[in-house]
N, C-alpha and C. Protein backbone atom coordinates (compact mmCIF):
# COMPACT_ATOMS: atom_id res chain seq x y z
N MET A 1 34.52 5.95 -16.49
CA MET A 1 33.32 6.59 -17.12
C MET A 1 32.39 5.90 -16.56
N LEU A 2 32.66 4.29 -16.62
CA LEU A 2 30.97 3.56 -16.52
C LEU A 2 30.80 3.75 -14.90
N ASP A 3 31.83 3.68 -13.95
CA ASP A 3 31.20 3.75 -12.81
C ASP A 3 30.44 5.07 -12.67
N ILE A 4 31.07 6.28 -12.94
CA ILE A 4 30.23 7.56 -13.00
C ILE A 4 29.03 7.48 -13.57
N ALA A 5 28.76 6.44 -14.47
CA ALA A 5 27.29 6.49 -15.15
C ALA A 5 26.47 5.62 -14.23
N LEU A 6 27.26 4.30 -13.33
CA LEU A 6 26.57 3.59 -12.60
C LEU A 6 25.95 4.52 -11.10
N TYR A 7 27.18 5.00 -10.67
CA TYR A 7 26.87 5.97 -9.35
C TYR A 7 25.33 6.86 -9.80
N LEU A 8 25.42 7.37 -11.26
CA LEU A 8 24.38 8.27 -11.27
C LEU A 8 22.83 7.96 -11.36
N LEU A 9 23.17 6.33 -12.02
CA LEU A 9 21.89 5.69 -12.09
C LEU A 9 21.64 5.11 -10.63
N ALA A 10 22.18 4.90 -9.52
CA ALA A 10 22.08 4.68 -8.13
C ALA A 10 21.50 5.90 -7.84
N ALA A 11 22.43 6.98 -7.75
CA ALA A 11 21.61 7.91 -7.19
C ALA A 11 20.03 8.44 -7.90
N ALA A 12 19.80 7.97 -9.08
CA ALA A 12 18.32 8.46 -9.80
C ALA A 12 17.80 7.40 -9.06
N LEU A 13 17.83 6.05 -8.86
CA LEU A 13 17.20 5.16 -8.05
C LEU A 13 16.66 5.75 -7.01
N VAL A 14 17.74 6.37 -5.86
CA VAL A 14 17.51 6.88 -4.69
C VAL A 14 16.30 7.55 -4.70
N ALA A 15 16.60 8.80 -5.25
CA ALA A 15 16.07 9.81 -5.83
C ALA A 15 14.32 9.82 -5.78
N GLY A 16 14.56 8.79 -6.78
CA GLY A 16 13.02 8.20 -7.47
C GLY A 16 12.51 7.33 -6.47
N GLY A 17 13.14 6.67 -5.64
CA GLY A 17 12.52 5.76 -4.63
C GLY A 17 12.08 6.73 -3.84
N LEU A 18 12.57 7.85 -3.32
CA LEU A 18 12.35 8.80 -2.30
C LEU A 18 10.80 9.34 -2.77
N ILE A 19 10.67 9.46 -3.78
CA ILE A 19 9.69 10.33 -4.58
C ILE A 19 8.27 9.23 -4.51
N GLY A 20 8.86 7.79 -4.62
CA GLY A 20 8.22 6.99 -5.00
C GLY A 20 7.25 6.70 -3.25
N THR A 21 7.97 7.06 -2.31
CA THR A 21 7.21 6.72 -1.06
C THR A 21 6.18 7.53 -0.91
N MET A 22 6.12 8.53 -1.74
CA MET A 22 4.79 9.83 -1.49
C MET A 22 3.80 9.30 -2.71
N LEU A 23 4.10 8.96 -3.73
CA LEU A 23 3.51 8.81 -4.82
C LEU A 23 3.53 7.06 -5.30
N PRO A 24 2.07 6.65 -4.84
CA PRO A 24 2.39 5.13 -5.21
C PRO A 24 2.34 4.59 -6.36
N ALA A 25 2.63 5.50 -7.59
CA ALA A 25 3.00 5.11 -8.65
C ALA A 25 4.32 4.15 -8.94
N LEU A 26 5.27 4.58 -8.10
CA LEU A 26 6.18 3.80 -8.01
C LEU A 26 6.58 3.26 -6.91
N PRO A 27 7.53 2.21 -6.86
CA PRO A 27 7.83 1.43 -6.14
C PRO A 27 9.01 1.85 -5.02
N GLY A 28 8.84 2.94 -4.25
CA GLY A 28 10.18 3.62 -3.40
C GLY A 28 10.81 2.81 -3.08
N LEU A 29 10.43 2.04 -1.69
CA LEU A 29 11.37 1.30 -0.84
C LEU A 29 12.26 0.04 -2.00
N PRO A 30 11.64 -0.48 -2.60
CA PRO A 30 12.78 -1.52 -3.46
C PRO A 30 13.56 -0.69 -4.34
N MET A 31 13.20 0.41 -5.03
CA MET A 31 14.07 1.32 -5.82
C MET A 31 15.23 2.02 -4.75
N ILE A 32 14.59 2.65 -3.89
CA ILE A 32 16.11 2.68 -2.57
C ILE A 32 16.85 2.21 -2.58
N PHE A 33 16.28 0.47 -2.17
CA PHE A 33 17.13 -0.34 -1.90
C PHE A 33 18.14 -0.90 -2.87
N GLY A 34 17.57 -0.94 -4.51
CA GLY A 34 18.28 -1.44 -5.46
C GLY A 34 19.16 -0.33 -5.71
N GLY A 35 18.99 1.23 -5.43
CA GLY A 35 20.23 2.17 -5.58
C GLY A 35 21.20 2.13 -4.92
N ILE A 36 20.61 2.04 -3.97
CA ILE A 36 21.93 1.72 -2.82
C ILE A 36 22.67 0.40 -3.03
N TRP A 37 22.17 -0.42 -3.38
CA TRP A 37 22.92 -2.14 -3.56
C TRP A 37 23.86 -1.93 -4.80
N LEU A 38 23.77 -0.98 -5.94
CA LEU A 38 24.01 -0.54 -6.77
C LEU A 38 25.45 0.05 -6.63
N ALA A 39 25.15 0.94 -5.64
CA ALA A 39 26.07 1.75 -5.34
C ALA A 39 27.52 0.99 -4.76
N ALA A 40 26.75 0.08 -3.91
CA ALA A 40 27.33 -0.94 -2.95
C ALA A 40 28.72 -1.69 -4.11
N ALA A 41 28.01 -2.19 -4.67
CA ALA A 41 28.47 -3.23 -5.98
C ALA A 41 29.44 -2.25 -6.90
N VAL A 42 29.01 -0.95 -7.28
CA VAL A 42 29.99 -0.36 -7.66
C VAL A 42 31.46 -0.37 -7.34
N ASP A 43 31.54 -0.29 -5.61
CA ASP A 43 32.35 0.48 -4.86
C ASP A 43 33.06 -0.98 -4.37
N GLY A 44 31.99 -2.01 -5.11
CA GLY A 44 32.90 -3.26 -4.24
C GLY A 44 32.72 -3.55 -3.18
N TYR A 45 31.66 -3.17 -2.55
CA TYR A 45 31.08 -3.26 -1.31
C TYR A 45 31.89 -2.94 -0.10
N ARG A 46 33.19 -1.94 -0.30
CA ARG A 46 34.02 -1.66 0.69
C ARG A 46 33.06 -0.55 1.78
N HIS A 47 32.25 0.09 1.41
CA HIS A 47 31.56 1.08 2.46
C HIS A 47 30.61 0.49 2.81
N LEU A 48 29.73 -0.50 2.19
CA LEU A 48 28.40 -1.13 2.31
C LEU A 48 28.50 -2.65 1.97
N GLY A 49 28.59 -3.28 3.27
CA GLY A 49 28.73 -4.68 3.16
C GLY A 49 27.50 -5.39 2.94
N LEU A 50 27.98 -6.97 3.54
CA LEU A 50 26.64 -7.75 3.60
C LEU A 50 25.54 -7.60 4.69
N TRP A 51 26.19 -7.36 5.96
CA TRP A 51 25.41 -6.48 6.94
C TRP A 51 24.82 -5.60 6.80
N TRP A 52 25.46 -4.69 6.64
CA TRP A 52 24.48 -3.23 6.15
C TRP A 52 23.33 -3.39 5.24
N LEU A 53 23.76 -4.09 4.34
CA LEU A 53 22.99 -4.47 3.06
C LEU A 53 21.60 -5.44 3.55
N LEU A 54 22.13 -6.50 4.08
CA LEU A 54 20.62 -7.01 5.02
C LEU A 54 19.66 -6.00 5.98
N LEU A 55 20.64 -5.46 6.30
CA LEU A 55 19.90 -4.41 7.01
C LEU A 55 18.83 -3.76 6.51
N LEU A 56 19.25 -3.07 5.65
CA LEU A 56 18.67 -1.96 4.63
C LEU A 56 17.39 -3.11 4.14
N GLY A 57 17.93 -4.17 3.38
CA GLY A 57 17.11 -5.14 2.62
C GLY A 57 15.68 -5.44 3.68
N ALA A 58 16.15 -5.38 4.82
CA ALA A 58 14.70 -5.66 6.13
C ALA A 58 14.10 -4.62 6.16
N LEU A 59 14.55 -3.49 6.64
CA LEU A 59 13.91 -2.39 6.58
C LEU A 59 13.02 -2.11 5.02
N ALA A 60 13.53 -2.32 3.95
CA ALA A 60 12.79 -2.22 2.61
C ALA A 60 11.62 -3.34 2.62
N ALA A 61 11.92 -4.60 3.11
CA ALA A 61 10.86 -5.26 3.26
C ALA A 61 9.76 -5.15 4.28
N LEU A 62 10.08 -4.26 5.51
CA LEU A 62 9.30 -4.00 6.39
C LEU A 62 8.30 -2.98 5.91
N GLY A 63 9.00 -2.17 5.18
CA GLY A 63 8.12 -1.29 4.32
C GLY A 63 6.78 -1.42 3.50
N ILE A 64 7.16 -2.84 2.45
CA ILE A 64 6.44 -3.48 1.93
C ILE A 64 5.14 -3.94 2.38
N VAL A 65 5.50 -4.51 3.74
CA VAL A 65 4.78 -5.32 4.54
C VAL A 65 3.49 -4.15 5.06
N VAL A 66 4.38 -3.23 5.62
CA VAL A 66 3.42 -1.92 6.13
C VAL A 66 2.14 -1.90 5.11
N ASP A 67 2.88 -1.51 3.89
CA ASP A 67 2.10 -0.63 3.01
C ASP A 67 0.92 -1.73 2.84
N PHE A 68 1.04 -2.77 2.66
CA PHE A 68 -0.28 -3.97 2.84
C PHE A 68 -0.95 -3.96 3.67
N VAL A 69 -0.60 -3.82 5.00
CA VAL A 69 -1.44 -4.39 5.52
C VAL A 69 -1.89 -2.83 6.67
N ALA A 70 -1.25 -1.96 6.50
CA ALA A 70 -1.99 -0.75 7.37
C ALA A 70 -3.24 -0.43 7.39
N ALA A 71 -3.82 -0.84 6.12
CA ALA A 71 -5.21 -0.04 5.68
C ALA A 71 -6.21 -1.14 6.77
N SER A 72 -5.79 -2.70 6.49
CA SER A 72 -6.25 -3.40 7.48
C SER A 72 -6.03 -3.31 8.69
N LEU A 73 -5.10 -2.98 9.26
CA LEU A 73 -4.88 -2.49 10.79
C LEU A 73 -5.85 -1.57 11.30
N GLY A 74 -5.89 -0.59 10.55
CA GLY A 74 -6.98 0.75 10.90
C GLY A 74 -8.14 0.19 10.94
N ALA A 75 -8.84 -0.60 10.19
CA ALA A 75 -10.36 -1.31 10.16
C ALA A 75 -10.27 -1.85 11.49
N LYS A 76 -9.08 -2.87 11.71
CA LYS A 76 -9.29 -3.72 12.47
C LYS A 76 -9.51 -3.03 13.84
N ARG A 77 -8.57 -2.20 14.11
CA ARG A 77 -8.27 -1.01 15.10
C ARG A 77 -9.60 -0.85 15.83
N VAL A 78 -10.59 -0.55 15.05
CA VAL A 78 -12.16 0.15 15.58
C VAL A 78 -13.07 -1.06 15.40
N GLY A 79 -12.43 -2.17 15.54
CA GLY A 79 -13.49 -3.01 15.87
C GLY A 79 -14.12 -3.76 14.51
N ALA A 80 -13.48 -3.76 13.28
CA ALA A 80 -14.05 -3.82 12.17
C ALA A 80 -14.57 -5.09 11.91
N SER A 81 -15.67 -5.49 11.20
CA SER A 81 -15.73 -7.07 10.75
C SER A 81 -14.87 -7.72 9.89
N LYS A 82 -14.71 -9.35 10.24
CA LYS A 82 -13.83 -9.76 9.04
C LYS A 82 -14.02 -9.29 7.86
N ALA A 83 -15.33 -8.95 7.49
CA ALA A 83 -15.61 -8.41 6.03
C ALA A 83 -15.21 -7.22 5.74
N ALA A 84 -15.11 -6.20 6.66
CA ALA A 84 -14.36 -5.20 6.22
C ALA A 84 -12.59 -5.01 5.98
N ILE A 85 -12.38 -6.01 7.24
CA ILE A 85 -11.05 -6.17 6.58
C ILE A 85 -10.39 -6.80 5.31
N TRP A 86 -11.22 -7.51 5.01
CA TRP A 86 -10.68 -8.38 3.98
C TRP A 86 -11.28 -7.22 2.61
N GLY A 87 -12.43 -6.78 2.92
CA GLY A 87 -12.47 -5.49 1.84
C GLY A 87 -11.46 -4.50 1.90
N ALA A 88 -10.97 -4.17 2.72
CA ALA A 88 -9.84 -3.20 3.18
C ALA A 88 -8.56 -4.01 2.18
N SER A 89 -8.53 -5.07 2.56
CA SER A 89 -7.19 -5.47 1.91
C SER A 89 -7.60 -5.95 0.26
N LEU A 90 -8.65 -6.25 0.01
CA LEU A 90 -8.97 -6.10 -1.40
C LEU A 90 -9.22 -5.15 -2.36
N GLY A 91 -9.57 -3.90 -1.62
CA GLY A 91 -9.80 -2.68 -1.96
C GLY A 91 -8.17 -2.03 -2.52
N THR A 92 -7.36 -2.53 -1.43
CA THR A 92 -6.09 -1.90 -1.17
C THR A 92 -5.28 -2.80 -2.70
N LEU A 93 -5.99 -4.04 -2.97
CA LEU A 93 -5.16 -4.63 -3.86
C LEU A 93 -5.49 -4.46 -5.37
N VAL A 94 -6.79 -4.08 -5.20
CA VAL A 94 -7.63 -3.79 -6.63
C VAL A 94 -7.16 -2.37 -7.27
N GLY A 95 -7.16 -1.56 -6.01
CA GLY A 95 -6.83 -0.08 -6.00
C GLY A 95 -5.62 0.43 -6.39
N MET A 96 -4.63 -0.80 -6.43
CA MET A 96 -3.07 -0.38 -7.02
C MET A 96 -2.94 -0.17 -8.44
N PHE A 97 -4.25 -1.01 -9.15
CA PHE A 97 -4.53 -0.79 -10.63
C PHE A 97 -5.09 0.36 -11.22
N PHE A 98 -5.46 1.43 -10.29
CA PHE A 98 -6.10 2.48 -10.82
C PHE A 98 -5.60 3.47 -10.06
N GLY A 99 -3.82 3.54 -10.00
CA GLY A 99 -3.02 4.87 -9.73
C GLY A 99 -3.59 5.32 -8.41
N LEU A 100 -3.05 6.75 -8.50
CA LEU A 100 -3.14 7.39 -7.25
C LEU A 100 -4.40 7.30 -6.27
N ALA A 101 -5.35 7.52 -7.47
CA ALA A 101 -6.77 7.86 -6.88
C ALA A 101 -7.09 6.35 -6.14
N GLY A 102 -7.11 5.25 -7.07
CA GLY A 102 -7.38 3.93 -6.23
C GLY A 102 -6.74 3.38 -5.38
N LEU A 103 -5.60 3.84 -4.89
CA LEU A 103 -4.88 3.61 -3.96
C LEU A 103 -5.35 4.07 -2.62
N VAL A 104 -5.73 5.51 -2.82
CA VAL A 104 -6.50 6.44 -1.60
C VAL A 104 -7.70 5.92 -1.37
N LEU A 105 -8.61 5.27 -2.51
CA LEU A 105 -9.93 5.39 -2.05
C LEU A 105 -10.09 3.54 -2.16
N GLY A 106 -9.48 3.00 -2.73
CA GLY A 106 -9.55 1.48 -2.71
C GLY A 106 -9.77 0.94 -1.40
N PRO A 107 -8.80 0.72 -0.38
CA PRO A 107 -9.29 0.44 0.88
C PRO A 107 -10.44 0.98 1.58
N PHE A 108 -10.30 2.71 1.38
CA PHE A 108 -11.63 3.08 1.82
C PHE A 108 -12.87 2.53 1.44
N VAL A 109 -13.18 2.50 0.21
CA VAL A 109 -14.51 1.94 -0.30
C VAL A 109 -14.51 0.32 0.06
N GLY A 110 -13.28 -0.34 0.12
CA GLY A 110 -13.55 -2.00 0.82
C GLY A 110 -13.99 -1.93 1.83
N ALA A 111 -13.46 -1.39 2.88
CA ALA A 111 -13.69 -1.52 4.41
C ALA A 111 -15.01 -1.13 4.24
N LEU A 112 -15.92 0.26 3.73
CA LEU A 112 -16.75 0.62 3.58
C LEU A 112 -18.02 -0.67 3.24
N LEU A 113 -17.72 -0.99 2.40
CA LEU A 113 -18.83 -1.93 1.40
C LEU A 113 -18.65 -3.36 2.56
N GLY A 114 -17.50 -3.87 2.85
CA GLY A 114 -17.38 -5.00 3.88
C GLY A 114 -18.13 -4.72 4.81
N GLU A 115 -17.66 -3.73 5.53
CA GLU A 115 -19.14 -3.43 6.88
C GLU A 115 -20.01 -3.04 6.83
N PHE A 116 -20.53 -2.84 5.73
CA PHE A 116 -22.09 -2.76 5.28
C PHE A 116 -22.80 -3.65 5.04
N GLY A 117 -22.28 -4.20 4.58
CA GLY A 117 -22.71 -5.81 4.04
C GLY A 117 -22.57 -6.82 5.43
N SER A 118 -21.98 -6.38 6.34
CA SER A 118 -21.74 -7.11 7.63
C SER A 118 -22.91 -6.60 8.66
N SER A 119 -22.70 -5.19 8.54
CA SER A 119 -23.74 -4.55 9.90
C SER A 119 -24.76 -4.05 9.17
N GLY A 120 -24.68 -3.80 8.01
CA GLY A 120 -25.69 -2.90 7.38
C GLY A 120 -26.00 -1.25 7.99
N SER A 121 -25.01 -0.87 8.77
CA SER A 121 -25.23 0.14 9.30
C SER A 121 -24.29 1.45 8.06
N VAL A 122 -25.10 2.35 7.92
CA VAL A 122 -24.11 3.18 7.30
C VAL A 122 -22.94 4.01 7.86
N LEU A 123 -23.27 4.46 9.26
CA LEU A 123 -22.89 5.35 10.10
C LEU A 123 -21.44 4.66 10.48
N ARG A 124 -21.70 3.12 10.69
CA ARG A 124 -20.55 2.19 11.34
C ARG A 124 -19.67 2.12 9.88
N SER A 125 -20.20 1.58 8.85
CA SER A 125 -19.37 1.61 8.04
C SER A 125 -18.63 2.70 7.34
N THR A 126 -18.91 3.92 7.72
CA THR A 126 -18.35 5.17 7.48
C THR A 126 -17.28 5.04 8.18
N HIS A 127 -17.65 4.81 9.74
CA HIS A 127 -16.42 5.10 10.76
C HIS A 127 -15.26 4.24 10.70
N VAL A 128 -15.83 2.75 9.91
CA VAL A 128 -14.80 2.02 9.62
C VAL A 128 -13.78 2.40 8.86
N GLY A 129 -14.69 3.16 7.21
CA GLY A 129 -13.79 3.01 6.26
C GLY A 129 -13.09 4.49 6.60
N ILE A 130 -13.13 5.33 7.54
CA ILE A 130 -12.34 6.38 7.77
C ILE A 130 -11.24 5.85 8.53
N SER A 131 -11.58 5.26 9.53
CA SER A 131 -10.37 4.32 10.26
C SER A 131 -9.31 3.84 9.15
N THR A 132 -9.92 3.04 8.24
CA THR A 132 -8.89 2.42 7.04
C THR A 132 -8.17 3.43 6.72
N TRP A 133 -8.94 4.52 6.31
CA TRP A 133 -8.12 5.84 5.76
C TRP A 133 -6.84 6.18 6.41
N LEU A 134 -7.32 6.23 7.48
CA LEU A 134 -6.32 6.92 8.50
C LEU A 134 -5.23 5.99 9.01
N GLY A 135 -5.21 4.32 8.51
CA GLY A 135 -4.41 3.52 8.78
C GLY A 135 -3.76 3.48 7.70
N LEU A 136 -4.00 3.88 6.69
CA LEU A 136 -3.27 3.78 5.32
C LEU A 136 -2.23 5.42 5.27
N LEU A 137 -2.94 6.43 6.06
CA LEU A 137 -2.13 7.31 5.88
C LEU A 137 -0.95 6.99 6.97
N PHE A 138 -0.99 6.17 8.10
CA PHE A 138 -0.17 6.21 9.28
C PHE A 138 0.69 5.21 8.52
N GLY A 139 0.46 4.13 7.28
CA GLY A 139 1.49 3.60 6.57
C GLY A 139 2.24 4.39 5.73
N ALA A 140 1.86 5.08 5.31
CA ALA A 140 2.45 5.92 4.60
C ALA A 140 3.43 6.96 4.83
N LEU A 141 3.03 7.30 6.35
CA LEU A 141 4.14 8.07 6.68
C LEU A 141 5.36 7.39 7.65
N LEU A 142 4.98 6.08 7.71
CA LEU A 142 5.85 5.25 8.25
C LEU A 142 6.72 4.46 7.41
N LYS A 143 6.24 4.58 6.18
CA LYS A 143 7.01 4.44 4.91
C LYS A 143 7.72 5.12 4.60
N LEU A 144 7.40 6.31 4.64
CA LEU A 144 8.54 7.97 4.62
C LEU A 144 9.84 7.79 5.57
N VAL A 145 9.54 7.38 6.66
CA VAL A 145 10.22 7.36 7.90
C VAL A 145 11.04 6.01 7.32
N LEU A 146 10.98 5.05 7.36
CA LEU A 146 11.90 3.98 6.61
C LEU A 146 12.45 4.27 5.34
N SER A 147 12.33 4.86 4.56
CA SER A 147 13.04 5.43 3.40
C SER A 147 14.02 6.16 4.06
N LEU A 148 13.71 7.32 4.91
CA LEU A 148 14.55 8.04 5.08
C LEU A 148 15.87 7.53 5.97
N LEU A 149 15.40 6.65 6.90
CA LEU A 149 16.16 5.81 7.66
C LEU A 149 17.22 4.90 6.75
N MET A 150 16.64 4.37 5.63
CA MET A 150 17.30 3.32 4.79
C MET A 150 18.24 4.72 3.74
N VAL A 151 18.37 5.47 3.94
CA VAL A 151 19.15 6.34 3.04
C VAL A 151 20.19 7.02 4.27
N GLY A 152 19.62 7.33 5.32
CA GLY A 152 20.65 7.62 5.94
C GLY A 152 21.47 6.95 6.86
N LEU A 153 21.18 5.65 6.80
CA LEU A 153 21.86 4.49 7.44
C LEU A 153 22.84 4.21 6.42
N ALA A 154 22.66 4.33 5.07
CA ALA A 154 23.44 3.99 4.26
C ALA A 154 24.73 5.21 3.90
N ALA A 155 24.07 6.21 3.94
CA ALA A 155 25.04 7.31 3.97
C ALA A 155 26.11 7.27 5.07
N PHE A 156 25.49 6.73 6.63
CA PHE A 156 26.68 6.90 7.45
C PHE A 156 27.47 5.60 7.10
N ALA A 157 26.96 4.47 6.83
CA ALA A 157 27.68 3.09 6.68
C ALA A 157 28.99 3.86 5.66
N TRP A 158 28.28 4.13 4.39
CA TRP A 158 29.67 4.92 3.55
C TRP A 158 30.35 6.14 4.23
N TRP A 159 29.84 6.59 5.30
CA TRP A 159 30.97 7.56 5.69
C TRP A 159 31.87 6.70 6.37
N ILE A 160 31.50 5.80 7.50
CA ILE A 160 32.50 5.30 8.60
C ILE A 160 33.16 4.24 7.64
N GLY A 161 32.80 3.84 6.71
CA GLY A 161 33.32 2.56 5.62
C GLY A 161 34.43 3.01 5.66
């Protein structure tokens, strides 16, 4: 009976994590990894062993890194100033405390203000801000792909194990 409850909790973590990859309020990839690890532990690691868990953990870590650097890379791609890149990073960090709106607008506003402070050009600052936002969007898409890859690999390992 306890095993069933733990498997249900693992499934809820994975499902919540998949939702969390699209809604920034939830830590999607860590939840997915936690759910998969819980299912593996309940199973006695028969289907998902150390190497599978290390691979899935590395994918989750990569997704977390992508989440933090995507906006900065978007700004850097268009030749943004160091102030704009720092602004995008700071905007991402501050935006985390303001929910979805903060996570969407934080990097954009940070890059825009950083570039405006550096160049003084409204047009250039807007271009950098939009590129930062596109980097953030690309990062979210990559995070979704990584989360689906994690679930798919875990299901594959479970099936062949």
